[in-house]
Amino acid sequence: MGSEAAREIASKIAAAEPLHWMARVGYAVRGVVFLIVGGLAMLAAGGYATRPQGARDALQTLAEQPLGGLLLWAVAGGLACFAGWRFLQSFFDADDYGSGPYGLMRRSAFACGGIFYVALAAATARIVIGERSTSEEQSARDWTHWLMLKPFGRGLLALIAAVMIGVAISLAIKSWRAPYRRTLDAPPTPRAWAVALGSFGMLTRAYIFFMIGIFLGHAAYDYNSKKVVGVAGVLDTLQHQSYGRWLLAVVALGLLAFGCFEIIEAFVRRVHAPKLAR
């Protein structure tokens, strides 16, 4: 039974068009990035690493490994593929959300995600060619300080904080409703396991977005960019709480779960790529 399902999945992938491949490669590489970040967080929770890292810093660590440069070029290409898929979801409505209020909101979120992954792909490429930049945390503080100096900068920062908290609430609701179960073309039992991984990972991401929004709002209120944190800062703050190593381990498991879910999506997600020529 399992071999028949595997052959069916393999035949579907083999028959996929280029845009389908772009989406599947993008999901797979996105999953790999979450696995790297979650793995480093788990090492930090176990005392085998000094502190957890965000995506860009984690990719910098990957670059220092044997064949790291080659691996990072593959990651950069995969992230660019995922950004392209996000733009297809946004501008060409690949998921058929329509032009109603909810559909436009979802498609706008996809566009923002596409921009983010273009930036992450570019940052990954810069790591490969040797342009060392500041850490992920320092970059967040630098742009926050720059924004605070602009007219209405604190108000814009507060608005961004509110958006981040809104995203967190949306992810938490999504983890409970699990609408992605309808997009997975897999037998019931494997699909149930995949949905469980996705929901756990989604809830973990909701926590991280919520905390980033809280720190960002606090920075806007106190006019202090040093209070801004990214993913690494949230994980590091969690690590230094009571029972922090155990809490960090739970969050690391959530990140690993989401990475596994994304790789599963790469193989069994129903991808409806739009016909661009039309």
C-alpha atoms as a PDB file:
ATOM      1  CA  MET A   1       0.000   0.000   0.000  1.00  0.00           C
ATOM      2  CA  GLY A   2       2.800   2.382   0.970  1.00  0.00           C
ATOM      3  CA  SER A   3       4.818   1.585  -2.162  1.00  0.00           C
ATOM      4  CA  GLU A   4       1.774   2.272  -4.362  1.00  0.00           C
ATOM      5  CA  ALA A   5       1.288   5.686  -2.715  1.00  0.00           C
ATOM      6  CA  ALA A   6       4.998   6.434  -3.152  1.00  0.00           C
ATOM      7  CA  ARG A   7       4.853   5.503  -6.846  1.00  0.00           C
ATOM      8  CA  GLU A   8       1.774   7.677  -7.335  1.00  0.00           C
ATOM      9  CA  ILE A   9       3.479  10.665  -5.699  1.00  0.00           C
ATOM     10  CA  ALA A  10       6.636  10.095  -7.770  1.00  0.00           C
ATOM     11  CA  SER A  11       4.631   9.958 -11.014  1.00  0.00           C
ATOM     12  CA  LYS A  12       2.859  13.214 -10.162  1.00  0.00           C
ATOM     13  CA  ILE A  13       6.165  14.940  -9.434  1.00  0.00           C
ATOM     14  CA  ALA A  14       7.698  13.614 -12.647  1.00  0.00           C
ATOM     15  CA  ALA A  15       4.771  15.025 -14.652  1.00  0.00           C
ATOM     16  CA  ALA A  16       4.936  18.425 -12.975  1.00  0.00           C
ATOM     17  CA  GLU A  17       5.393  21.587 -15.007  1.00  0.00           C
ATOM     18  CA  PRO A  18       8.216  24.099 -14.327  1.00  0.00           C
ATOM     19  CA  LEU A  19       6.096  26.313 -12.076  1.00  0.00           C
ATOM     20  CA  HIS A  20       5.090  23.255 -10.068  1.00  0.00           C
ATOM     21  CA  TRP A  21       8.757  22.430  -9.651  1.00  0.00           C
ATOM     22  CA  MET A  22       9.478  25.976  -8.549  1.00  0.00           C
ATOM     23  CA  ALA A  23       6.843  25.730  -5.811  1.00  0.00           C
ATOM     24  CA  ARG A  24       7.985  22.301  -4.638  1.00  0.00           C
ATOM     25  CA  VAL A  25      11.662  23.236  -4.544  1.00  0.00           C
ATOM     26  CA  GLY A  26      10.729  26.395  -2.660  1.00  0.00           C
ATOM     27  CA  TYR A  27       8.754  24.510  -0.011  1.00  0.00           C
ATOM     28  CA  ALA A  28      11.560  21.974   0.414  1.00  0.00           C
ATOM     29  CA  VAL A  29      14.293  24.589   0.867  1.00  0.00           C
ATOM     30  CA  ARG A  30      12.134  26.632   3.219  1.00  0.00           C
ATOM     31  CA  GLY A  31      11.749  23.477   5.271  1.00  0.00           C
ATOM     32  CA  VAL A  32      15.519  22.956   5.289  1.00  0.00           C
ATOM     33  CA  VAL A  33      16.034  26.489   6.651  1.00  0.00           C
ATOM     34  CA  PHE A  34      13.590  25.807   9.490  1.00  0.00           C
ATOM     35  CA  LEU A  35      15.350  22.522  10.210  1.00  0.00           C
ATOM     36  CA  ILE A  36      18.693  24.332  10.474  1.00  0.00           C
ATOM     37  CA  VAL A  37      17.315  27.029  12.787  1.00  0.00           C
ATOM     38  CA  GLY A  38      15.438  24.459  14.876  1.00  0.00           C
ATOM     39  CA  GLY A  39      18.464  22.163  15.040  1.00  0.00           C
ATOM     40  CA  LEU A  40      20.747  24.947  16.281  1.00  0.00           C
ATOM     41  CA  ALA A  41      18.111  25.953  18.844  1.00  0.00           C
ATOM     42  CA  MET A  42      17.958  22.350  20.044  1.00  0.00           C
ATOM     43  CA  LEU A  43      21.752  22.285  20.383  1.00  0.00           C
ATOM     44  CA  ALA A  44      21.576  25.472  22.449  1.00  0.00           C
ATOM     45  CA  ALA A  45      18.864  23.955  24.639  1.00  0.00           C
ATOM     46  CA  GLY A  46      21.062  20.918  25.217  1.00  0.00           C
ATOM     47  CA  GLY A  47      24.081  23.028  26.109  1.00  0.00           C
ATOM     48  CA  TYR A  48      26.013  22.122  22.948  1.00  0.00           C
ATOM     49  CA  ALA A  49      25.866  25.650  21.511  1.00  0.00           C
ATOM     50  CA  THR A  50      26.219  29.060  23.136  1.00  0.00           C
ATOM     51  CA  ARG A  51      22.949  30.530  21.898  1.00  0.00           C
ATOM     52  CA  PRO A  52      20.216  29.923  19.301  1.00  0.00           C
ATOM     53  CA  GLN A  53      20.368  31.699  15.962  1.00  0.00           C
ATOM     54  CA  GLY A  54      17.983  33.251  13.466  1.00  0.00           C
ATOM     55  CA  ALA A  55      17.756  32.256   9.808  1.00  0.00           C
ATOM     56  CA  ARG A  56      20.504  34.482   8.426  1.00  0.00           C
ATOM     57  CA  ASP A  57      22.964  33.752  11.217  1.00  0.00           C
ATOM     58  CA  ALA A  58      22.179  30.043  10.936  1.00  0.00           C
ATOM     59  CA  LEU A  59      22.978  30.155   7.222  1.00  0.00           C
ATOM     60  CA  GLN A  60      26.239  31.902   8.059  1.00  0.00           C
ATOM     61  CA  THR A  61      27.053  28.942  10.303  1.00  0.00           C
ATOM     62  CA  LEU A  62      26.220  26.589   7.429  1.00  0.00           C
ATOM     63  CA  ALA A  63      28.626  28.498   5.174  1.00  0.00           C
ATOM     64  CA  GLU A  64      31.486  27.648   7.535  1.00  0.00           C
ATOM     65  CA  GLN A  65      30.965  23.901   7.066  1.00  0.00           C
ATOM     66  CA  PRO A  66      32.576  21.739   4.348  1.00  0.00           C
ATOM     67  CA  LEU A  67      30.927  22.456   0.995  1.00  0.00           C
ATOM     68  CA  GLY A  68      29.023  25.226   2.781  1.00  0.00           C
ATOM     69  CA  GLY A  69      29.284  27.638  -0.135  1.00  0.00           C
ATOM     70  CA  LEU A  70      27.783  25.140  -2.574  1.00  0.00           C
ATOM     71  CA  LEU A  71      24.983  24.343  -0.134  1.00  0.00           C
ATOM     72  CA  LEU A  72      24.234  28.032   0.359  1.00  0.00           C
ATOM     73  CA  TRP A  73      23.946  28.628  -3.387  1.00  0.00           C
ATOM     74  CA  ALA A  74      21.358  25.829  -3.463  1.00  0.00           C
ATOM     75  CA  VAL A  75      19.540  27.407  -0.501  1.00  0.00           C
ATOM     76  CA  ALA A  76      19.594  30.836  -2.158  1.00  0.00           C
ATOM     77  CA  GLY A  77      18.125  29.370  -5.343  1.00  0.00           C
ATOM     78  CA  GLY A  78      15.448  27.519  -3.397  1.00  0.00           C
ATOM     79  CA  LEU A  79      14.496  30.628  -1.436  1.00  0.00           C
ATOM     80  CA  ALA A  80      14.226  32.545  -4.711  1.00  0.00           C
ATOM     81  CA  CYS A  81      11.908  29.795  -5.984  1.00  0.00           C
ATOM     82  CA  PHE A  82       9.750  30.122  -2.886  1.00  0.00           C
ATOM     83  CA  ALA A  83       9.638  33.901  -3.307  1.00  0.00           C
ATOM     84  CA  GLY A  84       8.510  33.403  -6.902  1.00  0.00           C
ATOM     85  CA  TRP A  85       5.768  31.026  -5.758  1.00  0.00           C
ATOM     86  CA  ARG A  86       4.598  33.548  -3.178  1.00  0.00           C
ATOM     87  CA  PHE A  87       4.334  36.177  -5.924  1.00  0.00           C
ATOM     88  CA  LEU A  88       2.323  33.752  -8.061  1.00  0.00           C
ATOM     89  CA  GLN A  89      -0.001  33.202  -5.110  1.00  0.00           C
ATOM     90  CA  SER A  90      -0.325  36.952  -4.674  1.00  0.00           C
ATOM     91  CA  PHE A  91      -0.485  38.524  -8.129  1.00  0.00           C
ATOM     92  CA  PHE A  92      -1.900  35.590 -10.109  1.00  0.00           C
ATOM     93  CA  ASP A  93      -4.071  34.144  -7.297  1.00  0.00           C
ATOM     94  CA  ALA A  94      -2.622  30.648  -7.640  1.00  0.00           C
ATOM     95  CA  ASP A  95      -4.676  29.433  -4.663  1.00  0.00           C
ATOM     96  CA  ASP A  96      -7.970  30.913  -5.901  1.00  0.00           C
ATOM     97  CA  TYR A  97      -8.621  33.184  -2.938  1.00  0.00           C
ATOM     98  CA  GLY A  98     -10.450  35.661  -5.157  1.00  0.00           C
ATOM     99  CA  SER A  99     -10.702  39.440  -4.888  1.00  0.00           C
ATOM    100  CA  GLY A 100     -12.898  39.718  -1.809  1.00  0.00           C
ATOM    101  CA  PRO A 101     -11.631  41.328   1.417  1.00  0.00           C
ATOM    102  CA  TYR A 102     -10.280  38.065   2.833  1.00  0.00           C
ATOM    103  CA  GLY A 103      -8.749  37.059  -0.498  1.00  0.00           C
ATOM    104  CA  LEU A 104      -7.000  40.411  -0.919  1.00  0.00           C
ATOM    105  CA  MET A 105      -5.688  40.187   2.646  1.00  0.00           C
ATOM    106  CA  ARG A 106      -4.261  36.728   2.026  1.00  0.00           C
ATOM    107  CA  ARG A 107      -2.746  37.740  -1.293  1.00  0.00           C
ATOM    108  CA  SER A 108      -1.176  40.817   0.303  1.00  0.00           C
ATOM    109  CA  ALA A 109       0.373  38.568   2.952  1.00  0.00           C
ATOM    110  CA  PHE A 110       1.788  36.371   0.164  1.00  0.00           C
ATOM    111  CA  ALA A 111       3.313  39.448  -1.490  1.00  0.00           C
ATOM    112  CA  CYS A 112       4.977  40.467   1.796  1.00  0.00           C
ATOM    113  CA  GLY A 113       6.258  36.919   2.174  1.00  0.00           C
ATOM    114  CA  GLY A 114       7.670  37.045  -1.344  1.00  0.00           C
ATOM    115  CA  ILE A 115       9.554  40.243  -0.566  1.00  0.00           C
ATOM    116  CA  PHE A 116      10.922  38.718   2.642  1.00  0.00           C
ATOM    117  CA  TYR A 117      12.207  35.610   0.883  1.00  0.00           C
ATOM    118  CA  VAL A 118      13.774  37.661  -1.918  1.00  0.00           C
ATOM    119  CA  ALA A 119      15.676  39.562   0.787  1.00  0.00           C
ATOM    120  CA  LEU A 120      16.669  36.328   2.539  1.00  0.00           C
ATOM    121  CA  ALA A 121      17.836  34.808  -0.757  1.00  0.00           C
ATOM    122  CA  ALA A 122      19.914  37.926  -1.455  1.00  0.00           C
ATOM    123  CA  ALA A 123      21.379  37.831   2.074  1.00  0.00           C
ATOM    124  CA  THR A 124      22.267  34.156   1.557  1.00  0.00           C
ATOM    125  CA  ALA A 125      24.028  34.968  -1.721  1.00  0.00           C
ATOM    126  CA  ARG A 126      25.988  37.756  -0.010  1.00  0.00           C
ATOM    127  CA  ILE A 127      27.204  35.258   2.588  1.00  0.00           C
ATOM    128  CA  VAL A 128      28.546  33.030  -0.206  1.00  0.00           C
ATOM    129  CA  ILE A 129      30.486  35.799  -1.950  1.00  0.00           C
ATOM    130  CA  GLY A 130      32.053  36.802   1.333  1.00  0.00           C
ATOM    131  CA  GLU A 131      30.266  40.049   2.190  1.00  0.00           C
ATOM    132  CA  ARG A 132      30.041  39.724   5.951  1.00  0.00           C
ATOM    133  CA  SER A 133      27.423  42.007   7.448  1.00  0.00           C
ATOM    134  CA  THR A 134      26.170  42.675  10.949  1.00  0.00           C
ATOM    135  CA  SER A 135      24.245  40.039  12.848  1.00  0.00           C
ATOM    136  CA  GLU A 136      20.528  39.587  12.312  1.00  0.00           C
ATOM    137  CA  GLU A 137      19.779  41.189  15.684  1.00  0.00           C
ATOM    138  CA  GLN A 138      21.977  44.221  15.021  1.00  0.00           C
ATOM    139  CA  SER A 139      20.446  44.714  11.571  1.00  0.00           C
ATOM    140  CA  ALA A 140      16.967  44.804  13.134  1.00  0.00           C
ATOM    141  CA  ARG A 141      18.110  47.403  15.653  1.00  0.00           C
ATOM    142  CA  ASP A 142      19.807  49.489  12.973  1.00  0.00           C
ATOM    143  CA  TRP A 143      16.750  49.766  10.747  1.00  0.00           C
ATOM    144  CA  THR A 144      14.555  50.415  13.791  1.00  0.00           C
ATOM    145  CA  HIS A 145      16.845  53.274  14.848  1.00  0.00           C
ATOM    146  CA  TRP A 146      16.769  54.635  11.286  1.00  0.00           C
ATOM    147  CA  LEU A 147      12.959  54.500  11.215  1.00  0.00           C
ATOM    148  CA  MET A 148      12.641  56.203  14.599  1.00  0.00           C
ATOM    149  CA  LEU A 149      14.529  59.223  13.293  1.00  0.00           C
ATOM    150  CA  LYS A 150      12.022  59.758  10.475  1.00  0.00           C
ATOM    151  CA  PRO A 151       8.795  61.788  10.779  1.00  0.00           C
ATOM    152  CA  PHE A 152       6.058  59.597  12.260  1.00  0.00           C
ATOM    153  CA  GLY A 153       8.689  56.885  12.664  1.00  0.00           C
ATOM    154  CA  ARG A 154       7.527  55.781  16.094  1.00  0.00           C
ATOM    155  CA  GLY A 155       3.948  55.560  14.857  1.00  0.00           C
ATOM    156  CA  LEU A 156       5.019  53.438  11.902  1.00  0.00           C
ATOM    157  CA  LEU A 157       7.024  51.231  14.233  1.00  0.00           C
ATOM    158  CA  ALA A 158       3.995  50.779  16.479  1.00  0.00           C
ATOM    159  CA  LEU A 159       1.931  49.900  13.393  1.00  0.00           C
ATOM    160  CA  ILE A 160       4.497  47.276  12.343  1.00  0.00           C
ATOM    161  CA  ALA A 161       4.385  45.856  15.871  1.00  0.00           C
ATOM    162  CA  ALA A 162       0.591  45.621  15.663  1.00  0.00           C
ATOM    163  CA  VAL A 163       0.870  43.875  12.286  1.00  0.00           C
ATOM    164  CA  MET A 164       3.325  41.349  13.721  1.00  0.00           C
ATOM    165  CA  ILE A 165       0.962  40.599  16.596  1.00  0.00           C
ATOM    166  CA  GLY A 166      -1.905  40.304  14.101  1.00  0.00           C
ATOM    167  CA  VAL A 167       0.142  37.815  12.074  1.00  0.00           C
ATOM    168  CA  ALA A 168       0.779  35.850  15.263  1.00  0.00           C
ATOM    169  CA  ILE A 169      -2.938  35.668  16.044  1.00  0.00           C
ATOM    170  CA  SER A 170      -3.664  34.649  12.454  1.00  0.00           C
ATOM    171  CA  LEU A 171      -1.069  31.857  12.637  1.00  0.00           C
ATOM    172  CA  ALA A 172      -2.495  30.636  15.942  1.00  0.00           C
ATOM    173  CA  ILE A 173      -5.980  30.455  14.429  1.00  0.00           C
ATOM    174  CA  LYS A 174      -4.570  28.739  11.353  1.00  0.00           C
ATOM    175  CA  SER A 175      -2.819  26.150  13.540  1.00  0.00           C
ATOM    176  CA  TRP A 176      -6.170  25.315  15.130  1.00  0.00           C
ATOM    177  CA  ARG A 177      -8.252  25.268  11.940  1.00  0.00           C
ATOM    178  CA  ALA A 178      -5.493  23.562   9.900  1.00  0.00           C
ATOM    179  CA  PRO A 179      -6.831  24.524   6.445  1.00  0.00           C
ATOM    180  CA  TYR A 180      -3.708  23.017   4.873  1.00  0.00           C
ATOM    181  CA  ARG A 181      -5.138  19.526   5.455  1.00  0.00           C
ATOM    182  CA  ARG A 182      -7.248  20.126   2.332  1.00  0.00           C
ATOM    183  CA  THR A 183      -4.177  20.856   0.203  1.00  0.00           C
ATOM    184  CA  LEU A 184      -2.283  17.653   1.025  1.00  0.00           C
ATOM    185  CA  ASP A 185      -2.736  14.879  -1.512  1.00  0.00           C
ATOM    186  CA  ALA A 186      -1.870  11.958   0.777  1.00  0.00           C
ATOM    187  CA  PRO A 187      -3.589   8.979   2.457  1.00  0.00           C
ATOM    188  CA  PRO A 188      -5.505   9.768   5.689  1.00  0.00           C
ATOM    189  CA  THR A 189      -2.955   8.548   8.242  1.00  0.00           C
ATOM    190  CA  PRO A 190       0.160  10.233   6.771  1.00  0.00           C
ATOM    191  CA  ARG A 191      -1.917  13.361   6.196  1.00  0.00           C
ATOM    192  CA  ALA A 192      -2.994  13.396   9.853  1.00  0.00           C
ATOM    193  CA  TRP A 193       0.627  13.204  10.971  1.00  0.00           C
ATOM    194  CA  ALA A 194       1.591  15.966   8.533  1.00  0.00           C
ATOM    195  CA  VAL A 195      -1.237  18.189   9.802  1.00  0.00           C
ATOM    196  CA  ALA A 196      -0.114  17.586  13.400  1.00  0.00           C
ATOM    197  CA  LEU A 197       3.437  18.636  12.505  1.00  0.00           C
ATOM    198  CA  GLY A 198       2.157  21.683  10.622  1.00  0.00           C
ATOM    199  CA  SER A 199      -0.109  22.809  13.458  1.00  0.00           C
ATOM    200  CA  PHE A 200       2.620  22.449  16.087  1.00  0.00           C
ATOM    201  CA  GLY A 201       5.058  24.333  13.876  1.00  0.00           C
ATOM    202  CA  MET A 202       2.503  27.017  13.050  1.00  0.00           C
ATOM    203  CA  LEU A 203       1.772  27.580  16.729  1.00  0.00           C
ATOM    204  CA  THR A 204       5.498  27.900  17.419  1.00  0.00           C
ATOM    205  CA  ARG A 205       5.832  30.504  14.673  1.00  0.00           C
ATOM    206  CA  ALA A 206       2.827  32.341  16.143  1.00  0.00           C
ATOM    207  CA  TYR A 207       4.651  32.584  19.480  1.00  0.00           C
ATOM    208  CA  ILE A 208       7.803  33.936  17.819  1.00  0.00           C
ATOM    209  CA  PHE A 209       5.895  36.543  15.779  1.00  0.00           C
ATOM    210  CA  PHE A 210       3.954  37.591  18.878  1.00  0.00           C
ATOM    211  CA  MET A 211       7.104  38.120  20.928  1.00  0.00           C
ATOM    212  CA  ILE A 212       8.823  40.035  18.123  1.00  0.00           C
ATOM    213  CA  GLY A 213       5.758  42.299  17.932  1.00  0.00           C
ATOM    214  CA  ILE A 214       5.774  42.823  21.708  1.00  0.00           C
ATOM    215  CA  PHE A 215       9.465  43.771  21.753  1.00  0.00           C
ATOM    216  CA  LEU A 216       8.956  46.040  18.740  1.00  0.00           C
ATOM    217  CA  GLY A 217       6.034  47.812  20.405  1.00  0.00           C
ATOM    218  CA  HIS A 218       8.059  48.215  23.589  1.00  0.00           C
ATOM    219  CA  ALA A 219      10.893  49.783  21.593  1.00  0.00           C
ATOM    220  CA  ALA A 220       8.482  52.232  19.958  1.00  0.00           C
ATOM    221  CA  TYR A 221       6.969  53.165  23.328  1.00  0.00           C
ATOM    222  CA  ASP A 222      10.349  53.711  25.035  1.00  0.00           C
ATOM    223  CA  TYR A 223      12.023  55.194  21.941  1.00  0.00           C
ATOM    224  CA  ASN A 224      14.812  52.648  22.330  1.00  0.00           C
ATOM    225  CA  SER A 225      15.869  50.572  19.331  1.00  0.00           C
ATOM    226  CA  LYS A 226      18.072  48.365  21.531  1.00  0.00           C
ATOM    227  CA  LYS A 227      14.942  46.595  22.767  1.00  0.00           C
ATOM    228  CA  VAL A 228      14.177  45.214  19.296  1.00  0.00           C
ATOM    229  CA  VAL A 229      14.862  41.506  18.772  1.00  0.00           C
ATOM    230  CA  GLY A 230      14.559  39.040  15.934  1.00  0.00           C
ATOM    231  CA  VAL A 231      14.059  35.285  15.989  1.00  0.00           C
ATOM    232  CA  ALA A 232      17.413  34.708  17.704  1.00  0.00           C
ATOM    233  CA  GLY A 233      16.591  37.329  20.329  1.00  0.00           C
ATOM    234  CA  VAL A 234      13.233  35.724  21.119  1.00  0.00           C
ATOM    235  CA  LEU A 235      14.853  32.302  21.487  1.00  0.00           C
ATOM    236  CA  ASP A 236      17.720  33.706  23.548  1.00  0.00           C
ATOM    237  CA  THR A 237      15.284  35.504  25.882  1.00  0.00           C
ATOM    238  CA  LEU A 238      13.338  32.287  26.292  1.00  0.00           C
ATOM    239  CA  GLN A 239      16.532  30.390  27.079  1.00  0.00           C
ATOM    240  CA  HIS A 240      17.292  32.680  30.034  1.00  0.00           C
ATOM    241  CA  GLN A 241      13.916  32.224  31.734  1.00  0.00           C
ATOM    242  CA  SER A 242      13.183  29.756  34.533  1.00  0.00           C
ATOM    243  CA  TYR A 243      13.267  26.283  32.956  1.00  0.00           C
ATOM    244  CA  GLY A 244      14.497  28.109  29.867  1.00  0.00           C
ATOM    245  CA  ARG A 245      16.369  25.162  28.416  1.00  0.00           C
ATOM    246  CA  TRP A 246      13.207  23.053  28.472  1.00  0.00           C
ATOM    247  CA  LEU A 247      11.098  25.863  26.997  1.00  0.00           C
ATOM    248  CA  LEU A 248      13.690  26.438  24.296  1.00  0.00           C
ATOM    249  CA  ALA A 249      13.677  22.715  23.534  1.00  0.00           C
ATOM    250  CA  VAL A 250       9.895  22.801  23.016  1.00  0.00           C
ATOM    251  CA  VAL A 251      10.168  25.768  20.652  1.00  0.00           C
ATOM    252  CA  ALA A 252      13.059  24.087  18.832  1.00  0.00           C
ATOM    253  CA  LEU A 253      10.882  21.000  18.356  1.00  0.00           C
ATOM    254  CA  GLY A 254       8.175  23.257  16.919  1.00  0.00           C
ATOM    255  CA  LEU A 255      10.619  24.729  14.409  1.00  0.00           C
ATOM    256  CA  LEU A 256      11.826  21.252  13.475  1.00  0.00           C
ATOM    257  CA  ALA A 257       8.206  20.116  13.101  1.00  0.00           C
ATOM    258  CA  PHE A 258       7.440  22.989  10.748  1.00  0.00           C
ATOM    259  CA  GLY A 259      10.562  22.233   8.718  1.00  0.00           C
ATOM    260  CA  CYS A 260       9.433  18.612   8.340  1.00  0.00           C
ATOM    261  CA  PHE A 261       5.938  19.766   7.389  1.00  0.00           C
ATOM    262  CA  GLU A 262       7.302  22.043   4.656  1.00  0.00           C
ATOM    263  CA  ILE A 263       9.341  19.203   3.178  1.00  0.00           C
ATOM    264  CA  ILE A 264       6.235  17.005   3.224  1.00  0.00           C
ATOM    265  CA  GLU A 265       4.354  19.811   1.464  1.00  0.00           C
ATOM    266  CA  ALA A 266       7.027  19.860  -1.208  1.00  0.00           C
ATOM    267  CA  PHE A 267       6.019  16.315  -2.170  1.00  0.00           C
ATOM    268  CA  VAL A 268       2.282  16.061  -1.538  1.00  0.00           C
ATOM    269  CA  ARG A 269       0.842  19.581  -1.685  1.00  0.00           C
ATOM    270  CA  ARG A 270      -1.657  20.206  -4.460  1.00  0.00           C
ATOM    271  CA  VAL A 271      -0.003  22.935  -6.514  1.00  0.00           C
ATOM    272  CA  HIS A 272      -2.250  24.838  -8.905  1.00  0.00           C
ATOM    273  CA  ALA A 273       0.214  26.961 -10.801  1.00  0.00           C
ATOM    274  CA  PRO A 274      -1.524  29.600 -12.963  1.00  0.00           C
ATOM    275  CA  LYS A 275      -1.160  29.606 -16.725  1.00  0.00           C
ATOM    276  CA  LEU A 276       0.913  32.751 -17.153  1.00  0.00           C
ATOM    277  CA  ALA A 277       0.482  32.837 -20.918  1.00  0.00           C
ATOM    278  CA  ARG A 278      -3.262  33.093 -20.471  1.00  0.00           C
END
